[in-house]
């Protein structure tokens, strides 16, 4: 019984730390990306979204956000990211592409994790993580918004 309580306590603490570290203010301090409002719902029953039905699956969605959306399934939770590179003003080269479980900005070949949004490339200057959007899965429907 004590072991079970300890596990619950540690899970709660981890959840609490994640919520605190994901403050909306921190995300919106990126000088390169505008804060835009949108809402998009996708139906996983449609064939173009089939890759999102499996853990590790990802897709690019053209409509939504600034340059589109990068969606990634991690353990049946859909992560939604802005497709515009967070370390450049939107331009022709700043639309990111998906390569496996990473995304790449072609401006300077920065690589980012689709699971966490963190930059994976080694650089010496301060950088921004990918801009995350709210996503909610309900059955075979996913709602994405900012």
N, C-alpha and C. Protein backbone atom coordinates (compact mmCIF):
# COMPACT_ATOMS: atom_id res chain seq x y z
N UNK A 1 0.82 -1.19 0.00
CA UNK A 1 0.00 0.00 0.00
C UNK A 1 0.86 1.26 0.00
N UNK A 2 1.95 1.27 0.79
CA UNK A 2 2.83 2.43 0.85
C UNK A 2 3.52 2.62 -0.50
N UNK A 3 3.92 1.52 -1.13
CA UNK A 3 4.57 1.59 -2.44
C UNK A 3 3.63 2.22 -3.47
N UNK A 4 2.36 1.82 -3.46
CA UNK A 4 1.39 2.35 -4.40
C UNK A 4 1.18 3.85 -4.18
N UNK A 5 1.10 4.29 -2.92
CA UNK A 5 0.94 5.71 -2.61
C UNK A 5 2.15 6.49 -3.09
N UNK A 6 3.35 5.95 -2.90
CA UNK A 6 4.57 6.60 -3.34
C UNK A 6 4.59 6.78 -4.85
N UNK A 7 4.13 5.77 -5.58
CA UNK A 7 4.06 5.85 -7.04
C UNK A 7 3.11 6.96 -7.47
N UNK A 8 1.93 7.02 -6.83
CA UNK A 8 0.95 8.05 -7.17
C UNK A 8 1.51 9.43 -6.88
N UNK A 9 2.19 9.55 -5.76
CA UNK A 9 2.78 10.82 -5.37
C UNK A 9 3.84 11.26 -6.39
N UNK A 10 4.68 10.35 -6.83
CA UNK A 10 5.72 10.70 -7.80
C UNK A 10 5.11 11.04 -9.16
N UNK A 11 4.04 10.33 -9.56
CA UNK A 11 3.36 10.65 -10.83
C UNK A 11 2.74 12.04 -10.76
N UNK A 12 2.11 12.36 -9.61
CA UNK A 12 1.51 13.68 -9.44
C UNK A 12 2.58 14.75 -9.52
N UNK A 13 3.71 14.54 -8.84
CA UNK A 13 4.79 15.51 -8.84
C UNK A 13 5.34 15.73 -10.25
N UNK A 14 5.53 14.65 -11.00
CA UNK A 14 6.01 14.75 -12.37
C UNK A 14 5.02 15.54 -13.22
N UNK A 15 3.73 15.22 -13.10
CA UNK A 15 2.70 15.93 -13.85
C UNK A 15 2.71 17.42 -13.51
N UNK A 16 2.81 17.74 -12.22
CA UNK A 16 2.83 19.11 -11.76
C UNK A 16 4.03 19.87 -12.35
N UNK A 17 5.20 19.24 -12.34
CA UNK A 17 6.40 19.89 -12.89
C UNK A 17 6.27 20.13 -14.38
N UNK A 18 5.67 19.20 -15.09
CA UNK A 18 5.47 19.37 -16.53
C UNK A 18 4.55 20.55 -16.79
N UNK A 19 3.45 20.64 -16.04
CA UNK A 19 2.50 21.74 -16.23
C UNK A 19 3.17 23.08 -15.96
N UNK A 20 3.94 23.17 -14.90
CA UNK A 20 4.61 24.43 -14.55
C UNK A 20 5.62 24.81 -15.63
N UNK A 21 6.36 23.84 -16.14
CA UNK A 21 7.40 24.14 -17.13
C UNK A 21 6.83 24.46 -18.49
N UNK A 22 5.57 24.16 -18.73
CA UNK A 22 4.95 24.41 -20.03
C UNK A 22 4.10 25.67 -20.00
N UNK A 23 4.55 26.68 -19.37
CA UNK A 23 3.79 27.91 -19.27
C UNK A 23 3.58 28.51 -20.65
N UNK A 24 2.39 29.02 -20.92
CA UNK A 24 2.07 29.60 -22.21
C UNK A 24 2.92 30.84 -22.47
N UNK A 25 3.27 31.60 -21.41
CA UNK A 25 4.09 32.78 -21.57
C UNK A 25 5.43 32.44 -22.19
N UNK A 26 6.07 31.37 -21.72
CA UNK A 26 7.37 30.97 -22.21
C UNK A 26 7.29 30.62 -23.70
N UNK A 27 6.26 29.92 -24.08
CA UNK A 27 6.10 29.50 -25.47
C UNK A 27 5.90 30.71 -26.37
N UNK A 28 5.12 31.68 -25.92
CA UNK A 28 4.79 32.84 -26.75
C UNK A 28 5.87 33.91 -26.77
N UNK A 29 6.99 33.72 -26.08
CA UNK A 29 8.07 34.69 -26.09
C UNK A 29 8.96 34.57 -27.32
N UNK A 30 8.64 33.69 -28.23
CA UNK A 30 9.44 33.52 -29.42
C UNK A 30 9.24 34.73 -30.34
N UNK A 31 10.31 35.49 -30.63
CA UNK A 31 10.15 36.69 -31.47
C UNK A 31 9.95 36.38 -32.95
N UNK A 32 10.17 35.16 -33.36
CA UNK A 32 10.07 34.80 -34.77
C UNK A 32 8.65 34.41 -35.20
N UNK A 33 7.86 33.89 -34.28
CA UNK A 33 6.55 33.35 -34.64
C UNK A 33 5.42 34.14 -34.00
N UNK A 34 4.43 34.50 -34.80
CA UNK A 34 3.24 35.20 -34.31
C UNK A 34 2.35 34.24 -33.54
N UNK A 35 1.59 34.79 -32.62
CA UNK A 35 0.58 34.01 -31.92
C UNK A 35 -0.73 34.15 -32.68
N UNK A 36 -1.12 33.11 -33.41
CA UNK A 36 -2.35 33.17 -34.20
C UNK A 36 -3.39 32.23 -33.60
N UNK A 37 -4.64 32.56 -33.79
CA UNK A 37 -5.73 31.70 -33.30
C UNK A 37 -6.29 30.88 -34.45
N UNK A 38 -6.51 29.60 -34.18
CA UNK A 38 -7.13 28.72 -35.16
C UNK A 38 -7.68 27.51 -34.42
N UNK A 39 -8.53 26.77 -35.09
CA UNK A 39 -9.03 25.49 -34.59
C UNK A 39 -9.23 24.57 -35.78
N UNK A 40 -8.75 23.36 -35.66
CA UNK A 40 -8.86 22.38 -36.74
C UNK A 40 -9.22 21.03 -36.14
N UNK A 41 -10.15 20.34 -36.77
CA UNK A 41 -10.52 18.99 -36.35
C UNK A 41 -10.23 18.05 -37.50
N UNK A 42 -9.56 16.94 -37.19
CA UNK A 42 -9.30 15.93 -38.22
C UNK A 42 -9.92 14.61 -37.80
N UNK A 43 -10.30 13.84 -38.80
CA UNK A 43 -10.95 12.54 -38.59
C UNK A 43 -9.94 11.45 -38.95
N UNK A 44 -9.54 10.66 -37.96
CA UNK A 44 -8.54 9.61 -38.19
C UNK A 44 -9.06 8.49 -39.09
N UNK A 45 -10.35 8.44 -39.36
CA UNK A 45 -10.90 7.43 -40.27
C UNK A 45 -10.58 7.74 -41.72
N UNK A 46 -10.19 8.98 -42.02
CA UNK A 46 -9.85 9.34 -43.39
C UNK A 46 -8.46 8.81 -43.73
N UNK A 47 -8.28 8.31 -44.96
CA UNK A 47 -7.01 7.66 -45.32
C UNK A 47 -5.77 8.56 -45.22
N UNK A 48 -5.91 9.86 -45.44
CA UNK A 48 -4.73 10.74 -45.39
C UNK A 48 -4.17 10.88 -43.98
N UNK A 49 -4.94 10.48 -42.94
CA UNK A 49 -4.47 10.56 -41.56
C UNK A 49 -4.14 9.19 -40.97
N UNK A 50 -4.11 8.17 -41.81
CA UNK A 50 -3.89 6.80 -41.35
C UNK A 50 -2.58 6.64 -40.56
N UNK A 51 -1.55 7.35 -40.93
CA UNK A 51 -0.25 7.23 -40.25
C UNK A 51 -0.32 7.66 -38.78
N UNK A 52 -1.29 8.49 -38.42
CA UNK A 52 -1.42 8.95 -37.04
C UNK A 52 -2.09 7.92 -36.13
N UNK A 53 -2.58 6.84 -36.70
CA UNK A 53 -3.25 5.82 -35.90
C UNK A 53 -2.25 4.93 -35.17
N UNK A 54 -0.96 5.08 -35.47
CA UNK A 54 0.07 4.21 -34.91
C UNK A 54 1.13 5.03 -34.18
N UNK A 55 1.61 4.52 -33.06
CA UNK A 55 2.65 5.20 -32.29
C UNK A 55 3.90 5.38 -33.15
N UNK A 56 4.42 6.58 -33.16
CA UNK A 56 5.58 6.90 -33.99
C UNK A 56 5.20 7.46 -35.34
N UNK A 57 3.91 7.45 -35.67
CA UNK A 57 3.44 7.98 -36.94
C UNK A 57 3.37 9.49 -36.93
N UNK A 58 3.62 10.10 -38.08
CA UNK A 58 3.58 11.55 -38.17
C UNK A 58 3.07 11.98 -39.54
N UNK A 59 2.50 13.19 -39.59
CA UNK A 59 2.06 13.75 -40.86
C UNK A 59 2.20 15.27 -40.82
N UNK A 60 2.23 15.85 -42.01
CA UNK A 60 2.18 17.30 -42.18
C UNK A 60 0.76 17.64 -42.62
N UNK A 61 0.16 18.65 -41.99
CA UNK A 61 -1.16 19.14 -42.37
C UNK A 61 -0.98 20.58 -42.82
N UNK A 62 -1.39 20.87 -44.04
CA UNK A 62 -1.14 22.18 -44.64
C UNK A 62 -1.95 23.30 -43.99
N UNK A 63 -3.19 23.06 -43.65
CA UNK A 63 -4.06 24.12 -43.13
C UNK A 63 -4.03 24.14 -41.61
N UNK A 64 -3.66 25.28 -41.06
CA UNK A 64 -3.57 25.47 -39.62
C UNK A 64 -2.23 26.05 -39.26
N UNK A 65 -2.19 26.87 -38.23
CA UNK A 65 -0.95 27.47 -37.81
C UNK A 65 -0.43 28.49 -38.82
N UNK A 66 0.87 28.74 -38.79
CA UNK A 66 1.50 29.72 -39.67
C UNK A 66 1.89 29.07 -41.00
N UNK A 67 2.64 27.98 -40.93
CA UNK A 67 3.10 27.27 -42.14
C UNK A 67 2.53 25.85 -42.20
N UNK A 68 1.52 25.58 -41.38
CA UNK A 68 0.94 24.24 -41.33
C UNK A 68 1.24 23.60 -39.98
N UNK A 69 0.90 22.33 -39.88
CA UNK A 69 1.04 21.60 -38.62
C UNK A 69 1.83 20.32 -38.84
N UNK A 70 2.64 19.98 -37.85
CA UNK A 70 3.31 18.68 -37.82
C UNK A 70 2.67 17.90 -36.68
N UNK A 71 2.06 16.78 -37.00
CA UNK A 71 1.38 15.96 -35.99
C UNK A 71 2.16 14.68 -35.78
N UNK A 72 2.27 14.26 -34.53
CA UNK A 72 3.07 13.08 -34.17
C UNK A 72 2.34 12.28 -33.11
N UNK A 73 2.21 10.98 -33.33
CA UNK A 73 1.56 10.09 -32.36
C UNK A 73 2.64 9.50 -31.46
N UNK A 74 2.54 9.80 -30.17
CA UNK A 74 3.44 9.21 -29.19
C UNK A 74 2.58 8.51 -28.15
N UNK A 75 2.58 7.20 -28.21
CA UNK A 75 1.79 6.38 -27.28
C UNK A 75 0.32 6.77 -27.28
N UNK A 76 -0.24 6.96 -28.45
CA UNK A 76 -1.65 7.28 -28.68
C UNK A 76 -2.02 8.69 -28.23
N UNK A 77 -1.04 9.53 -27.95
CA UNK A 77 -1.28 10.95 -27.69
C UNK A 77 -0.74 11.71 -28.90
N UNK A 78 -1.54 12.59 -29.46
CA UNK A 78 -1.13 13.33 -30.65
C UNK A 78 -0.50 14.65 -30.23
N UNK A 79 0.76 14.82 -30.61
CA UNK A 79 1.48 16.07 -30.38
C UNK A 79 1.28 16.93 -31.63
N UNK A 80 0.97 18.21 -31.43
CA UNK A 80 0.76 19.13 -32.55
C UNK A 80 1.78 20.26 -32.46
N UNK A 81 2.53 20.45 -33.54
CA UNK A 81 3.60 21.44 -33.58
C UNK A 81 3.40 22.37 -34.77
N UNK A 82 3.85 23.60 -34.62
CA UNK A 82 3.87 24.55 -35.74
C UNK A 82 4.93 24.07 -36.73
N UNK A 83 4.61 24.14 -38.03
CA UNK A 83 5.53 23.67 -39.06
C UNK A 83 6.54 24.73 -39.48
N UNK A 84 6.44 25.95 -38.95
CA UNK A 84 7.41 26.99 -39.24
C UNK A 84 8.56 26.87 -38.24
N UNK A 85 9.78 26.93 -38.72
CA UNK A 85 10.96 26.82 -37.86
C UNK A 85 10.90 27.87 -36.76
N UNK A 86 11.07 27.48 -35.51
CA UNK A 86 10.97 28.43 -34.41
C UNK A 86 12.18 29.36 -34.27
N UNK A 87 13.21 29.17 -35.08
CA UNK A 87 14.40 29.99 -34.96
C UNK A 87 14.67 30.84 -36.20
N UNK A 88 13.61 31.08 -36.98
CA UNK A 88 13.69 31.94 -38.17
C UNK A 88 12.34 32.60 -38.37
N UNK A 89 12.36 33.82 -38.91
CA UNK A 89 11.10 34.42 -39.33
C UNK A 89 10.54 33.58 -40.47
N UNK A 90 9.23 33.44 -40.58
CA UNK A 90 8.66 32.65 -41.67
C UNK A 90 9.16 33.13 -43.03
N UNK A 91 9.67 32.19 -43.81
CA UNK A 91 10.19 32.48 -45.15
C UNK A 91 10.01 31.22 -45.99
N UNK A 92 10.53 31.26 -47.20
CA UNK A 92 10.40 30.09 -48.08
C UNK A 92 11.11 28.86 -47.52
N UNK A 93 12.24 29.05 -46.83
CA UNK A 93 13.00 27.90 -46.34
C UNK A 93 12.60 27.47 -44.93
N UNK A 94 11.73 28.22 -44.25
CA UNK A 94 11.46 27.93 -42.84
C UNK A 94 10.39 26.87 -42.59
N UNK A 95 9.72 26.39 -43.64
CA UNK A 95 8.74 25.32 -43.44
C UNK A 95 9.48 24.02 -43.17
N UNK A 96 9.18 23.40 -42.03
CA UNK A 96 9.91 22.20 -41.63
C UNK A 96 9.34 20.96 -42.31
N UNK A 97 10.21 19.97 -42.47
CA UNK A 97 9.86 18.68 -43.06
C UNK A 97 10.02 17.59 -42.02
N UNK A 98 9.27 16.52 -42.20
CA UNK A 98 9.33 15.38 -41.28
C UNK A 98 10.30 14.34 -41.82
N UNK A 99 11.21 13.87 -40.95
CA UNK A 99 12.12 12.77 -41.25
C UNK A 99 12.07 11.79 -40.09
N UNK A 100 11.27 10.77 -40.19
CA UNK A 100 11.12 9.79 -39.11
C UNK A 100 10.48 10.42 -37.90
N UNK A 101 11.19 10.45 -36.78
CA UNK A 101 10.66 11.02 -35.54
C UNK A 101 11.24 12.41 -35.29
N UNK A 102 11.78 13.03 -36.35
CA UNK A 102 12.35 14.37 -36.25
C UNK A 102 11.77 15.26 -37.35
N UNK A 103 11.91 16.55 -37.13
CA UNK A 103 11.59 17.52 -38.17
C UNK A 103 12.85 18.33 -38.44
N UNK A 104 12.96 18.83 -39.67
CA UNK A 104 14.15 19.57 -40.07
C UNK A 104 13.74 20.89 -40.72
N UNK A 105 14.43 21.95 -40.33
CA UNK A 105 14.27 23.27 -40.95
C UNK A 105 15.35 23.38 -42.02
N UNK A 106 14.96 23.63 -43.24
CA UNK A 106 15.94 23.66 -44.32
C UNK A 106 16.76 24.95 -44.38
N UNK A 107 16.37 25.98 -43.60
CA UNK A 107 17.16 27.23 -43.60
C UNK A 107 18.59 26.96 -43.16
N UNK A 108 18.75 26.28 -42.03
CA UNK A 108 20.09 25.97 -41.51
C UNK A 108 20.22 24.51 -41.09
N UNK A 109 19.30 23.68 -41.54
CA UNK A 109 19.29 22.25 -41.22
C UNK A 109 19.21 21.96 -39.73
N UNK A 110 18.45 22.76 -38.99
CA UNK A 110 18.21 22.46 -37.58
C UNK A 110 17.28 21.26 -37.50
N UNK A 111 17.57 20.34 -36.59
CA UNK A 111 16.72 19.17 -36.36
C UNK A 111 16.03 19.29 -35.01
N UNK A 112 14.75 18.86 -34.96
CA UNK A 112 13.94 18.93 -33.75
C UNK A 112 13.28 17.59 -33.50
N UNK A 113 13.03 17.28 -32.24
CA UNK A 113 12.32 16.06 -31.86
C UNK A 113 10.82 16.30 -32.01
N UNK A 114 10.13 15.40 -32.71
CA UNK A 114 8.68 15.50 -32.81
C UNK A 114 8.00 15.07 -31.52
N UNK A 115 8.71 14.37 -30.65
CA UNK A 115 8.14 13.93 -29.37
C UNK A 115 8.17 15.06 -28.34
N UNK A 116 9.25 15.85 -28.32
CA UNK A 116 9.40 16.88 -27.29
C UNK A 116 9.42 18.31 -27.83
N UNK A 117 9.70 18.48 -29.11
CA UNK A 117 9.81 19.82 -29.69
C UNK A 117 11.17 20.47 -29.49
N UNK A 118 12.07 19.81 -28.79
CA UNK A 118 13.39 20.38 -28.49
C UNK A 118 14.32 20.28 -29.69
N UNK A 119 15.21 21.26 -29.80
CA UNK A 119 16.20 21.25 -30.88
C UNK A 119 17.22 20.15 -30.59
N UNK A 120 17.61 19.42 -31.63
CA UNK A 120 18.57 18.32 -31.50
C UNK A 120 19.92 18.69 -32.09
N UNK A 121 19.97 19.73 -32.89
CA UNK A 121 21.21 20.17 -33.52
C UNK A 121 22.09 20.87 -32.49
N UNK A 122 23.38 20.69 -32.62
CA UNK A 122 24.32 21.35 -31.72
C UNK A 122 24.64 22.73 -32.28
N UNK A 123 24.22 23.75 -31.53
CA UNK A 123 24.53 25.12 -31.91
C UNK A 123 24.96 25.88 -30.66
N UNK A 124 25.64 26.98 -30.83
CA UNK A 124 26.20 27.71 -29.70
C UNK A 124 25.38 28.91 -29.25
N UNK A 125 24.28 29.20 -29.91
CA UNK A 125 23.47 30.36 -29.54
C UNK A 125 22.17 29.90 -28.89
N UNK A 126 21.46 30.82 -28.28
CA UNK A 126 20.19 30.44 -27.66
C UNK A 126 19.16 30.19 -28.77
N UNK A 127 18.41 29.13 -28.60
CA UNK A 127 17.42 28.75 -29.60
C UNK A 127 16.08 28.51 -28.93
N UNK A 128 15.06 28.41 -29.73
CA UNK A 128 13.70 28.18 -29.25
C UNK A 128 13.26 26.78 -29.64
N UNK A 129 12.46 26.13 -28.79
CA UNK A 129 11.88 24.83 -29.16
C UNK A 129 10.74 25.05 -30.16
N UNK A 130 10.26 23.98 -30.72
CA UNK A 130 9.11 24.05 -31.63
C UNK A 130 7.91 24.61 -30.87
N UNK A 131 7.06 25.33 -31.58
CA UNK A 131 5.86 25.91 -30.99
C UNK A 131 4.79 24.82 -30.92
N UNK A 132 4.33 24.52 -29.70
CA UNK A 132 3.33 23.48 -29.49
C UNK A 132 1.93 24.07 -29.53
N UNK A 133 1.00 23.30 -30.08
CA UNK A 133 -0.41 23.65 -30.07
C UNK A 133 -1.17 22.63 -29.23
N UNK A 134 -2.31 23.05 -28.73
CA UNK A 134 -3.17 22.17 -27.95
C UNK A 134 -3.78 21.13 -28.88
N UNK A 135 -3.74 19.87 -28.46
CA UNK A 135 -4.41 18.81 -29.23
C UNK A 135 -5.15 17.91 -28.26
N UNK A 136 -6.32 17.47 -28.70
CA UNK A 136 -7.17 16.63 -27.87
C UNK A 136 -7.76 15.53 -28.74
N UNK A 137 -7.52 14.29 -28.34
CA UNK A 137 -8.05 13.15 -29.09
C UNK A 137 -9.31 12.66 -28.39
N UNK A 138 -10.37 12.48 -29.18
CA UNK A 138 -11.64 11.99 -28.67
C UNK A 138 -12.15 10.95 -29.66
N UNK A 139 -11.93 9.66 -29.35
CA UNK A 139 -12.29 8.60 -30.29
C UNK A 139 -11.40 8.67 -31.51
N UNK A 140 -12.01 8.81 -32.69
CA UNK A 140 -11.26 8.92 -33.94
C UNK A 140 -11.16 10.36 -34.43
N UNK A 141 -11.36 11.29 -33.55
CA UNK A 141 -11.32 12.71 -33.90
C UNK A 141 -10.22 13.40 -33.07
N UNK A 142 -9.50 14.31 -33.73
CA UNK A 142 -8.47 15.08 -33.05
C UNK A 142 -8.77 16.57 -33.29
N UNK A 143 -8.84 17.32 -32.19
CA UNK A 143 -9.04 18.75 -32.26
C UNK A 143 -7.73 19.45 -31.91
N UNK A 144 -7.30 20.34 -32.79
CA UNK A 144 -6.05 21.07 -32.61
C UNK A 144 -6.40 22.56 -32.60
N UNK A 145 -5.84 23.29 -31.64
CA UNK A 145 -6.15 24.72 -31.56
C UNK A 145 -5.03 25.48 -30.88
N UNK A 146 -5.12 26.79 -31.00
CA UNK A 146 -4.21 27.68 -30.29
C UNK A 146 -5.04 28.72 -29.56
